[in-house]
Amino acid sequence: MPMLEPLSVSNQFPDYPLPTLPDTSGMRDCSWHNDTCPSFRKGEFIVWVDWPNDADREVPGGHRFIVCALDDEGCLNDEQPVLETDDWAEVQAILN
């Protein structure tokens, strides 16, 4: 049986401009092609990193970074995001 490579931005979103990603070191890449953009997990949070060009986003005018809480089983904890922002420093403040 062939080994499958781990899910990642590069194999789930091959057209995503990787140089535009913020520093996601210390986070687990859990990007999935059925989502609208790459995602990363740290602790009890998941962070979606939308496309840098506003016109490429599912919701033009929406924020680039969306942080949601996860429950003990790793499922979305609430329907409301913890944070929606265009500022990566705000995301890091929540994750740390």
N, C-alpha and C. Protein backbone atom coordinates (compact mmCIF):
# COMPACT_ATOMS: atom_id res chain seq x y z
N MET A 1 0.85 -1.17 0.00
CA MET A 1 0.00 0.00 0.00
C MET A 1 0.90 1.24 0.00
N PRO A 2 0.65 2.19 -0.89
CA PRO A 2 1.50 3.37 -0.94
C PRO A 2 1.27 4.27 0.28
N MET A 3 2.33 4.96 0.67
CA MET A 3 2.21 5.91 1.78
C MET A 3 1.63 7.21 1.23
N LEU A 4 0.69 7.75 1.96
CA LEU A 4 0.12 9.03 1.58
C LEU A 4 0.91 10.13 2.25
N GLU A 5 1.15 11.21 1.52
CA GLU A 5 1.87 12.30 2.15
C GLU A 5 0.91 13.06 3.06
N PRO A 6 1.44 13.64 4.14
CA PRO A 6 0.58 14.37 5.08
C PRO A 6 -0.11 15.54 4.38
N LEU A 7 -1.29 15.89 4.89
CA LEU A 7 -2.00 17.04 4.36
C LEU A 7 -1.16 18.29 4.58
N SER A 8 -1.14 19.15 3.59
CA SER A 8 -0.40 20.40 3.72
C SER A 8 -0.96 21.42 2.74
N VAL A 9 -0.61 22.67 2.97
CA VAL A 9 -1.03 23.72 2.05
C VAL A 9 -0.58 23.37 0.63
N SER A 10 0.66 22.93 0.50
CA SER A 10 1.20 22.70 -0.85
C SER A 10 0.49 21.59 -1.61
N ASN A 11 0.00 20.53 -0.93
CA ASN A 11 -0.68 19.48 -1.69
C ASN A 11 -2.21 19.63 -1.68
N GLN A 12 -2.74 20.44 -0.79
CA GLN A 12 -4.19 20.65 -0.76
C GLN A 12 -4.62 21.92 -1.50
N PHE A 13 -3.71 22.89 -1.55
CA PHE A 13 -3.97 24.16 -2.23
C PHE A 13 -2.76 24.50 -3.11
N PRO A 14 -2.54 23.75 -4.18
CA PRO A 14 -1.33 23.92 -4.98
C PRO A 14 -1.18 25.31 -5.59
N ASP A 15 -2.26 26.07 -5.72
CA ASP A 15 -2.18 27.42 -6.29
C ASP A 15 -1.99 28.51 -5.24
N TYR A 16 -1.97 28.12 -3.97
CA TYR A 16 -1.82 29.12 -2.90
C TYR A 16 -0.41 29.70 -2.94
N PRO A 17 -0.27 31.03 -2.88
CA PRO A 17 1.05 31.65 -2.92
C PRO A 17 1.79 31.48 -1.58
N LEU A 18 2.55 30.41 -1.47
CA LEU A 18 3.21 30.06 -0.20
C LEU A 18 4.05 31.18 0.41
N PRO A 19 4.73 32.00 -0.38
CA PRO A 19 5.52 33.08 0.24
C PRO A 19 4.68 34.09 1.03
N THR A 20 3.36 34.10 0.82
CA THR A 20 2.51 35.05 1.53
C THR A 20 2.03 34.52 2.88
N LEU A 21 2.29 33.24 3.17
CA LEU A 21 1.86 32.68 4.46
C LEU A 21 2.61 33.35 5.60
N PRO A 22 1.92 33.64 6.69
CA PRO A 22 2.62 34.13 7.87
C PRO A 22 3.43 32.98 8.49
N ASP A 23 4.22 33.29 9.50
CA ASP A 23 5.01 32.26 10.18
C ASP A 23 4.09 31.36 10.99
N THR A 24 3.93 30.13 10.52
CA THR A 24 3.05 29.17 11.20
C THR A 24 3.86 28.09 11.93
N SER A 25 5.13 28.38 12.19
CA SER A 25 5.94 27.39 12.91
C SER A 25 5.32 27.15 14.28
N GLY A 26 5.37 25.92 14.72
CA GLY A 26 4.74 25.55 15.99
C GLY A 26 3.26 25.22 15.84
N MET A 27 2.76 25.28 14.62
CA MET A 27 1.37 24.95 14.36
C MET A 27 1.32 23.73 13.45
N ARG A 28 0.27 22.94 13.56
CA ARG A 28 0.11 21.77 12.70
C ARG A 28 -0.72 22.16 11.48
N ASP A 29 -0.16 21.93 10.32
CA ASP A 29 -0.87 22.20 9.06
C ASP A 29 -1.98 21.17 8.92
N CYS A 30 -3.21 21.61 8.91
CA CYS A 30 -4.34 20.69 8.74
C CYS A 30 -5.20 21.13 7.57
N SER A 31 -4.54 21.69 6.57
CA SER A 31 -5.25 22.15 5.38
C SER A 31 -5.95 20.98 4.69
N TRP A 32 -7.14 21.26 4.20
CA TRP A 32 -7.96 20.25 3.53
C TRP A 32 -8.60 20.89 2.33
N HIS A 33 -8.47 20.26 1.18
CA HIS A 33 -8.91 20.85 -0.09
C HIS A 33 -10.39 21.18 -0.16
N ASN A 34 -11.22 20.57 0.68
CA ASN A 34 -12.65 20.90 0.67
C ASN A 34 -12.96 22.19 1.43
N ASP A 35 -11.99 22.70 2.19
CA ASP A 35 -12.15 24.00 2.84
C ASP A 35 -11.85 25.07 1.81
N THR A 36 -12.17 26.30 2.14
CA THR A 36 -11.95 27.38 1.19
C THR A 36 -10.53 27.93 1.22
N CYS A 37 -9.78 27.59 2.29
CA CYS A 37 -8.41 28.10 2.41
C CYS A 37 -7.63 27.21 3.37
N PRO A 38 -6.32 27.37 3.42
CA PRO A 38 -5.49 26.57 4.32
C PRO A 38 -5.85 26.82 5.79
N SER A 39 -5.54 25.82 6.63
CA SER A 39 -5.79 25.97 8.06
C SER A 39 -4.66 25.33 8.86
N PHE A 40 -4.51 25.84 10.07
CA PHE A 40 -3.44 25.40 10.96
C PHE A 40 -4.01 25.29 12.36
N ARG A 41 -3.52 24.31 13.10
CA ARG A 41 -4.01 24.09 14.46
C ARG A 41 -2.90 24.30 15.48
N LYS A 42 -3.28 24.95 16.57
CA LYS A 42 -2.38 25.09 17.71
C LYS A 42 -3.24 25.00 18.96
N GLY A 43 -2.95 23.98 19.79
CA GLY A 43 -3.72 23.80 21.02
C GLY A 43 -5.19 23.64 20.72
N GLU A 44 -5.98 24.44 21.38
CA GLU A 44 -7.44 24.33 21.22
C GLU A 44 -7.99 25.28 20.17
N PHE A 45 -7.13 25.74 19.26
CA PHE A 45 -7.56 26.67 18.22
C PHE A 45 -7.21 26.16 16.82
N ILE A 46 -8.05 26.54 15.87
CA ILE A 46 -7.75 26.35 14.46
C ILE A 46 -7.77 27.73 13.82
N VAL A 47 -6.83 27.96 12.91
CA VAL A 47 -6.71 29.25 12.24
C VAL A 47 -6.80 29.02 10.74
N TRP A 48 -7.77 29.66 10.11
CA TRP A 48 -7.85 29.64 8.66
C TRP A 48 -7.11 30.85 8.14
N VAL A 49 -6.27 30.61 7.14
CA VAL A 49 -5.48 31.68 6.53
C VAL A 49 -5.98 31.83 5.09
N ASP A 50 -6.83 32.81 4.91
CA ASP A 50 -7.47 33.01 3.61
C ASP A 50 -6.47 33.57 2.60
N TRP A 51 -6.87 33.62 1.38
CA TRP A 51 -6.03 34.08 0.28
C TRP A 51 -5.63 35.54 0.52
N PRO A 52 -4.39 35.89 0.16
CA PRO A 52 -3.93 37.26 0.41
C PRO A 52 -4.67 38.30 -0.45
N ASN A 53 -5.06 37.92 -1.65
CA ASN A 53 -5.79 38.83 -2.52
C ASN A 53 -7.27 38.75 -2.18
N ASP A 54 -7.81 39.86 -1.76
CA ASP A 54 -9.21 39.91 -1.33
C ASP A 54 -10.17 39.35 -2.37
N ALA A 55 -9.91 39.58 -3.64
CA ALA A 55 -10.80 39.11 -4.70
C ALA A 55 -10.81 37.59 -4.82
N ASP A 56 -9.79 36.91 -4.30
CA ASP A 56 -9.72 35.44 -4.36
C ASP A 56 -10.41 34.75 -3.20
N ARG A 57 -10.83 35.50 -2.22
CA ARG A 57 -11.46 34.90 -1.03
C ARG A 57 -12.90 34.51 -1.30
N GLU A 58 -13.37 33.53 -0.52
CA GLU A 58 -14.76 33.10 -0.68
C GLU A 58 -15.71 34.28 -0.41
N VAL A 59 -15.35 35.09 0.57
CA VAL A 59 -16.15 36.27 0.90
C VAL A 59 -15.27 37.51 0.71
N PRO A 60 -15.29 38.10 -0.48
CA PRO A 60 -14.50 39.31 -0.67
C PRO A 60 -14.88 40.36 0.37
N GLY A 61 -13.90 41.00 0.93
CA GLY A 61 -14.14 41.96 1.99
C GLY A 61 -14.03 41.33 3.37
N GLY A 62 -13.95 39.99 3.41
CA GLY A 62 -13.80 39.29 4.69
C GLY A 62 -12.36 39.37 5.16
N HIS A 63 -12.15 39.02 6.40
CA HIS A 63 -10.81 39.07 6.98
C HIS A 63 -9.95 37.89 6.50
N ARG A 64 -8.65 38.10 6.51
CA ARG A 64 -7.74 37.06 6.03
C ARG A 64 -7.56 35.94 7.05
N PHE A 65 -7.58 36.26 8.34
CA PHE A 65 -7.34 35.26 9.39
C PHE A 65 -8.58 35.08 10.25
N ILE A 66 -8.98 33.83 10.41
CA ILE A 66 -10.13 33.52 11.24
C ILE A 66 -9.71 32.45 12.24
N VAL A 67 -9.91 32.74 13.52
CA VAL A 67 -9.53 31.83 14.60
C VAL A 67 -10.81 31.30 15.24
N CYS A 68 -10.89 29.98 15.38
CA CYS A 68 -12.03 29.34 16.03
C CYS A 68 -11.53 28.41 17.13
N ALA A 69 -12.33 28.27 18.17
CA ALA A 69 -12.00 27.37 19.27
C ALA A 69 -12.43 25.95 18.91
N LEU A 70 -11.67 24.97 19.42
CA LEU A 70 -11.98 23.56 19.23
C LEU A 70 -12.33 22.94 20.58
N ASP A 71 -13.17 21.92 20.57
CA ASP A 71 -13.49 21.22 21.81
C ASP A 71 -12.44 20.14 22.09
N ASP A 72 -12.66 19.36 23.13
CA ASP A 72 -11.69 18.34 23.54
C ASP A 72 -11.44 17.27 22.47
N GLU A 73 -12.40 17.10 21.56
CA GLU A 73 -12.26 16.11 20.50
C GLU A 73 -11.73 16.71 19.21
N GLY A 74 -11.40 18.01 19.22
CA GLY A 74 -10.86 18.66 18.03
C GLY A 74 -11.90 19.15 17.06
N CYS A 75 -13.14 19.21 17.50
CA CYS A 75 -14.22 19.71 16.66
C CYS A 75 -14.48 21.18 16.98
N LEU A 76 -15.05 21.89 16.03
CA LEU A 76 -15.36 23.30 16.28
C LEU A 76 -16.23 23.42 17.52
N ASN A 77 -15.82 24.29 18.42
CA ASN A 77 -16.45 24.44 19.72
C ASN A 77 -17.68 25.33 19.67
N ASP A 78 -17.68 26.27 18.79
CA ASP A 78 -18.76 27.25 18.73
C ASP A 78 -18.87 27.71 17.29
N GLU A 79 -20.01 28.18 16.92
CA GLU A 79 -20.17 28.64 15.55
C GLU A 79 -19.57 30.01 15.33
N GLN A 80 -19.34 30.76 16.39
CA GLN A 80 -18.78 32.11 16.27
C GLN A 80 -17.27 32.07 16.37
N PRO A 81 -16.56 32.70 15.43
CA PRO A 81 -15.11 32.76 15.54
C PRO A 81 -14.67 33.51 16.79
N VAL A 82 -13.53 33.13 17.31
CA VAL A 82 -12.93 33.84 18.44
C VAL A 82 -12.37 35.17 17.95
N LEU A 83 -11.86 35.17 16.71
CA LEU A 83 -11.25 36.37 16.15
C LEU A 83 -11.32 36.33 14.63
N GLU A 84 -11.61 37.46 14.02
CA GLU A 84 -11.50 37.66 12.58
C GLU A 84 -10.69 38.93 12.40
N THR A 85 -9.56 38.83 11.69
CA THR A 85 -8.65 39.96 11.58
C THR A 85 -7.80 39.86 10.33
N ASP A 86 -7.15 40.96 9.99
CA ASP A 86 -6.15 40.97 8.94
C ASP A 86 -4.75 41.11 9.53
N ASP A 87 -4.67 41.13 10.86
CA ASP A 87 -3.41 41.36 11.56
C ASP A 87 -2.92 40.07 12.21
N TRP A 88 -1.83 39.49 11.68
CA TRP A 88 -1.30 38.23 12.20
C TRP A 88 -0.86 38.35 13.66
N ALA A 89 -0.42 39.53 14.07
CA ALA A 89 0.00 39.74 15.47
C ALA A 89 -1.17 39.50 16.42
N GLU A 90 -2.38 39.85 16.02
CA GLU A 90 -3.56 39.59 16.85
C GLU A 90 -3.82 38.09 16.98
N VAL A 91 -3.59 37.36 15.90
CA VAL A 91 -3.75 35.90 15.93
C VAL A 91 -2.73 35.31 16.90
N GLN A 92 -1.48 35.72 16.78
CA GLN A 92 -0.42 35.20 17.66
C GLN A 92 -0.72 35.50 19.12
N ALA A 93 -1.29 36.65 19.42
CA ALA A 93 -1.62 37.01 20.80
C ALA A 93 -2.61 36.02 21.40
N ILE A 94 -3.56 35.57 20.61
CA ILE A 94 -4.54 34.58 21.10
C ILE A 94 -3.89 33.21 21.25
N LEU A 95 -3.06 32.83 20.29
CA LEU A 95 -2.45 31.50 20.32
C LEU A 95 -1.41 31.35 21.41
N ASN A 96 -0.79 32.44 21.80
CA ASN A 96 0.24 32.38 22.85
C ASN A 96 -0.39 32.78 24.15
